[in-house]
């Protein structure tokens, strides 16, 4: 299991009660080796830190194989 700590900002003027931060983990060759996601709420203009944990895609990978992580935040609320 790998823990990812991220920080995001709601740069809109709308509160988002259901936002989904997610992370994709890559090895040094750029191959996807794991992912994780969580659910958070972000008030309008709010910046906050969040944590999420995820598993690697194969038992042949270890946390030390993670070279870099890309974090994304999506929101499914429509206005």
N, C-alpha and C. Protein backbone atom coordinates (compact mmCIF):
# COMPACT_ATOMS: atom_id res chain seq x y z
N UNK A 1 0.84 -1.18 0.00
CA UNK A 1 0.00 0.00 0.00
C UNK A 1 0.89 1.24 0.00
N UNK A 2 0.43 2.26 -0.74
CA UNK A 2 1.17 3.52 -0.85
C UNK A 2 0.26 4.65 -0.38
N UNK A 3 0.78 5.53 0.44
CA UNK A 3 0.03 6.70 0.89
C UNK A 3 0.45 7.91 0.06
N UNK A 4 -0.56 8.67 -0.39
CA UNK A 4 -0.32 9.88 -1.16
C UNK A 4 -0.93 11.04 -0.39
N UNK A 5 -0.17 12.10 -0.21
CA UNK A 5 -0.66 13.32 0.42
C UNK A 5 -0.65 14.40 -0.65
N UNK A 6 -1.80 15.04 -0.83
CA UNK A 6 -1.92 16.07 -1.85
C UNK A 6 -2.53 17.33 -1.28
N UNK A 7 -2.52 18.36 -2.10
CA UNK A 7 -3.10 19.64 -1.72
C UNK A 7 -3.80 20.19 -2.95
N UNK A 8 -5.03 20.64 -2.76
CA UNK A 8 -5.79 21.15 -3.89
C UNK A 8 -6.56 22.40 -3.52
N UNK A 9 -6.96 23.14 -4.54
CA UNK A 9 -7.73 24.37 -4.37
C UNK A 9 -8.96 24.33 -5.26
N UNK A 10 -10.09 24.66 -4.67
CA UNK A 10 -11.31 24.88 -5.45
C UNK A 10 -11.22 26.32 -5.95
N UNK A 11 -10.90 26.49 -7.21
CA UNK A 11 -10.70 27.84 -7.74
C UNK A 11 -11.98 28.38 -8.38
N UNK A 12 -13.13 27.91 -7.89
CA UNK A 12 -14.42 28.41 -8.37
C UNK A 12 -15.13 29.15 -7.24
N UNK A 13 -16.27 29.73 -7.57
CA UNK A 13 -17.08 30.40 -6.54
C UNK A 13 -18.22 29.52 -6.06
N UNK A 14 -18.15 28.20 -6.33
CA UNK A 14 -19.18 27.24 -5.92
C UNK A 14 -18.59 26.24 -4.92
N UNK A 15 -19.39 25.90 -3.90
CA UNK A 15 -19.00 24.83 -2.99
C UNK A 15 -19.15 23.49 -3.71
N UNK A 16 -18.24 22.58 -3.46
CA UNK A 16 -18.32 21.23 -4.03
C UNK A 16 -18.30 20.23 -2.88
N UNK A 17 -19.46 19.64 -2.63
CA UNK A 17 -19.58 18.71 -1.50
C UNK A 17 -19.00 17.34 -1.83
N UNK A 18 -18.88 17.02 -3.11
CA UNK A 18 -18.32 15.73 -3.50
C UNK A 18 -17.26 15.95 -4.58
N UNK A 19 -16.02 16.06 -4.16
CA UNK A 19 -14.89 16.14 -5.08
C UNK A 19 -14.08 14.86 -4.90
N UNK A 20 -13.45 14.40 -5.98
CA UNK A 20 -12.73 13.14 -5.95
C UNK A 20 -11.27 13.33 -6.32
N UNK A 21 -10.41 13.55 -5.31
CA UNK A 21 -8.98 13.54 -5.61
C UNK A 21 -8.54 12.12 -5.95
N UNK A 22 -7.70 12.00 -6.94
CA UNK A 22 -7.17 10.70 -7.33
C UNK A 22 -5.71 10.84 -7.68
N UNK A 23 -4.99 9.74 -7.60
CA UNK A 23 -3.57 9.74 -7.92
C UNK A 23 -3.22 8.53 -8.76
N UNK A 24 -2.33 8.73 -9.71
CA UNK A 24 -1.80 7.66 -10.53
C UNK A 24 -0.31 7.57 -10.24
N UNK A 25 0.16 6.36 -9.93
CA UNK A 25 1.56 6.14 -9.57
C UNK A 25 2.31 5.52 -10.75
N UNK A 26 3.50 6.04 -11.02
CA UNK A 26 4.30 5.59 -12.15
C UNK A 26 5.66 5.09 -11.66
N UNK A 27 6.24 4.13 -12.42
CA UNK A 27 7.62 3.74 -12.13
C UNK A 27 8.56 4.62 -12.94
N UNK A 28 9.85 4.38 -12.86
CA UNK A 28 10.85 5.23 -13.53
C UNK A 28 10.73 5.16 -15.05
N UNK A 29 10.13 4.08 -15.58
CA UNK A 29 9.94 3.94 -17.03
C UNK A 29 8.66 4.61 -17.52
N UNK A 30 7.91 5.23 -16.61
CA UNK A 30 6.66 5.89 -16.98
C UNK A 30 5.47 4.96 -17.06
N UNK A 31 5.63 3.74 -16.59
CA UNK A 31 4.54 2.75 -16.61
C UNK A 31 3.65 2.95 -15.38
N UNK A 32 2.34 2.90 -15.59
CA UNK A 32 1.41 3.00 -14.46
C UNK A 32 1.51 1.74 -13.63
N UNK A 33 1.77 1.92 -12.33
CA UNK A 33 1.89 0.75 -11.46
C UNK A 33 0.91 0.77 -10.29
N UNK A 34 0.12 1.84 -10.16
CA UNK A 34 -0.85 1.90 -9.08
C UNK A 34 -1.71 3.15 -9.16
N UNK A 35 -2.75 3.14 -8.36
CA UNK A 35 -3.65 4.29 -8.33
C UNK A 35 -4.43 4.27 -7.03
N UNK A 36 -5.03 5.41 -6.71
CA UNK A 36 -5.90 5.51 -5.54
C UNK A 36 -6.78 6.74 -5.69
N UNK A 37 -7.82 6.81 -4.89
CA UNK A 37 -8.70 7.98 -4.90
C UNK A 37 -9.41 8.06 -3.56
N UNK A 38 -9.98 9.23 -3.31
CA UNK A 38 -10.74 9.46 -2.08
C UNK A 38 -11.83 10.48 -2.38
N UNK A 39 -12.65 10.75 -1.42
CA UNK A 39 -13.70 11.75 -1.58
C UNK A 39 -13.50 12.85 -0.54
N UNK A 40 -13.68 14.09 -0.97
CA UNK A 40 -13.50 15.27 -0.12
C UNK A 40 -14.57 16.29 -0.47
N UNK A 41 -14.73 17.26 0.39
CA UNK A 41 -15.56 18.42 0.06
C UNK A 41 -14.63 19.64 0.01
N UNK A 42 -14.90 20.53 -0.94
CA UNK A 42 -14.11 21.75 -1.09
C UNK A 42 -15.07 22.92 -1.16
N UNK A 43 -14.98 23.81 -0.19
CA UNK A 43 -15.77 25.04 -0.24
C UNK A 43 -15.23 25.96 -1.32
N UNK A 44 -16.02 26.91 -1.73
CA UNK A 44 -15.60 27.88 -2.74
C UNK A 44 -14.31 28.56 -2.30
N UNK A 45 -13.29 28.51 -3.16
CA UNK A 45 -12.01 29.15 -2.87
C UNK A 45 -11.14 28.43 -1.85
N UNK A 46 -11.60 27.31 -1.32
CA UNK A 46 -10.87 26.61 -0.26
C UNK A 46 -9.67 25.85 -0.81
N UNK A 47 -8.56 25.93 -0.07
CA UNK A 47 -7.38 25.10 -0.31
C UNK A 47 -7.25 24.16 0.87
N UNK A 48 -7.04 22.88 0.59
CA UNK A 48 -6.91 21.93 1.69
C UNK A 48 -5.98 20.79 1.31
N UNK A 49 -5.47 20.15 2.32
CA UNK A 49 -4.61 18.98 2.18
C UNK A 49 -5.47 17.74 2.38
N UNK A 50 -5.17 16.70 1.64
CA UNK A 50 -5.91 15.44 1.76
C UNK A 50 -4.93 14.27 1.68
N UNK A 51 -5.36 13.14 2.20
CA UNK A 51 -4.57 11.91 2.15
C UNK A 51 -5.39 10.81 1.50
N UNK A 52 -4.71 9.94 0.79
CA UNK A 52 -5.35 8.77 0.24
C UNK A 52 -4.34 7.63 0.19
N UNK A 53 -4.82 6.42 0.24
CA UNK A 53 -3.96 5.25 0.18
C UNK A 53 -4.44 4.34 -0.93
N UNK A 54 -3.51 3.70 -1.60
CA UNK A 54 -3.88 2.80 -2.68
C UNK A 54 -2.92 1.65 -2.81
N UNK A 55 -3.37 0.66 -3.53
CA UNK A 55 -2.57 -0.53 -3.77
C UNK A 55 -1.87 -0.44 -5.11
N UNK A 56 -0.76 -1.12 -5.22
CA UNK A 56 -0.08 -1.23 -6.49
C UNK A 56 -0.78 -2.30 -7.32
N UNK A 57 -0.63 -2.26 -8.62
CA UNK A 57 -1.40 -3.12 -9.51
C UNK A 57 -0.92 -4.56 -9.56
N UNK A 58 0.22 -4.85 -8.96
CA UNK A 58 0.76 -6.21 -8.98
C UNK A 58 1.59 -6.43 -7.73
N UNK A 59 1.61 -7.65 -7.26
CA UNK A 59 2.45 -8.00 -6.12
C UNK A 59 3.93 -7.92 -6.47
N UNK A 60 4.25 -7.86 -7.76
CA UNK A 60 5.66 -7.77 -8.15
C UNK A 60 6.21 -6.35 -7.97
N UNK A 61 5.33 -5.36 -7.70
CA UNK A 61 5.78 -4.00 -7.44
C UNK A 61 5.86 -3.76 -5.94
N UNK A 62 6.77 -2.90 -5.53
CA UNK A 62 6.85 -2.48 -4.14
C UNK A 62 6.74 -0.96 -4.09
N UNK A 63 6.43 -0.39 -2.93
CA UNK A 63 6.36 1.08 -2.84
C UNK A 63 7.63 1.79 -3.32
N UNK A 64 8.76 1.13 -3.20
CA UNK A 64 10.01 1.76 -3.66
C UNK A 64 10.09 1.86 -5.18
N UNK A 65 9.21 1.17 -5.90
CA UNK A 65 9.16 1.26 -7.36
C UNK A 65 8.46 2.53 -7.84
N UNK A 66 7.75 3.23 -6.96
CA UNK A 66 7.04 4.45 -7.35
C UNK A 66 8.06 5.55 -7.55
N UNK A 67 8.13 6.03 -8.79
CA UNK A 67 9.07 7.09 -9.14
C UNK A 67 8.41 8.46 -9.05
N UNK A 68 7.17 8.57 -9.52
CA UNK A 68 6.44 9.83 -9.44
C UNK A 68 4.94 9.56 -9.45
N UNK A 69 4.21 10.57 -9.01
CA UNK A 69 2.75 10.48 -8.84
C UNK A 69 2.11 11.71 -9.47
N UNK A 70 1.01 11.50 -10.19
CA UNK A 70 0.22 12.61 -10.72
C UNK A 70 -1.10 12.62 -9.97
N UNK A 71 -1.48 13.79 -9.44
CA UNK A 71 -2.71 13.92 -8.66
C UNK A 71 -3.71 14.75 -9.47
N UNK A 72 -4.95 14.28 -9.48
CA UNK A 72 -6.04 14.95 -10.18
C UNK A 72 -7.20 15.13 -9.21
N UNK A 73 -8.01 16.13 -9.43
CA UNK A 73 -9.24 16.31 -8.65
C UNK A 73 -10.37 16.56 -9.63
N UNK A 74 -11.43 15.77 -9.50
CA UNK A 74 -12.60 15.99 -10.34
C UNK A 74 -13.82 16.20 -9.47
N UNK A 75 -14.80 16.84 -10.03
CA UNK A 75 -16.06 17.10 -9.33
C UNK A 75 -17.19 16.78 -10.29
N UNK A 76 -18.19 16.06 -9.82
CA UNK A 76 -19.30 15.64 -10.67
C UNK A 76 -20.55 16.48 -10.49
N UNK A 77 -20.43 17.59 -9.80
CA UNK A 77 -21.59 18.45 -9.60
C UNK A 77 -21.74 19.40 -10.78
N UNK A 78 -22.96 19.57 -11.25
CA UNK A 78 -23.22 20.43 -12.40
C UNK A 78 -24.08 21.61 -11.94
N UNK A 79 -23.79 22.77 -12.49
CA UNK A 79 -24.53 23.97 -12.13
C UNK A 79 -25.13 24.59 -13.36
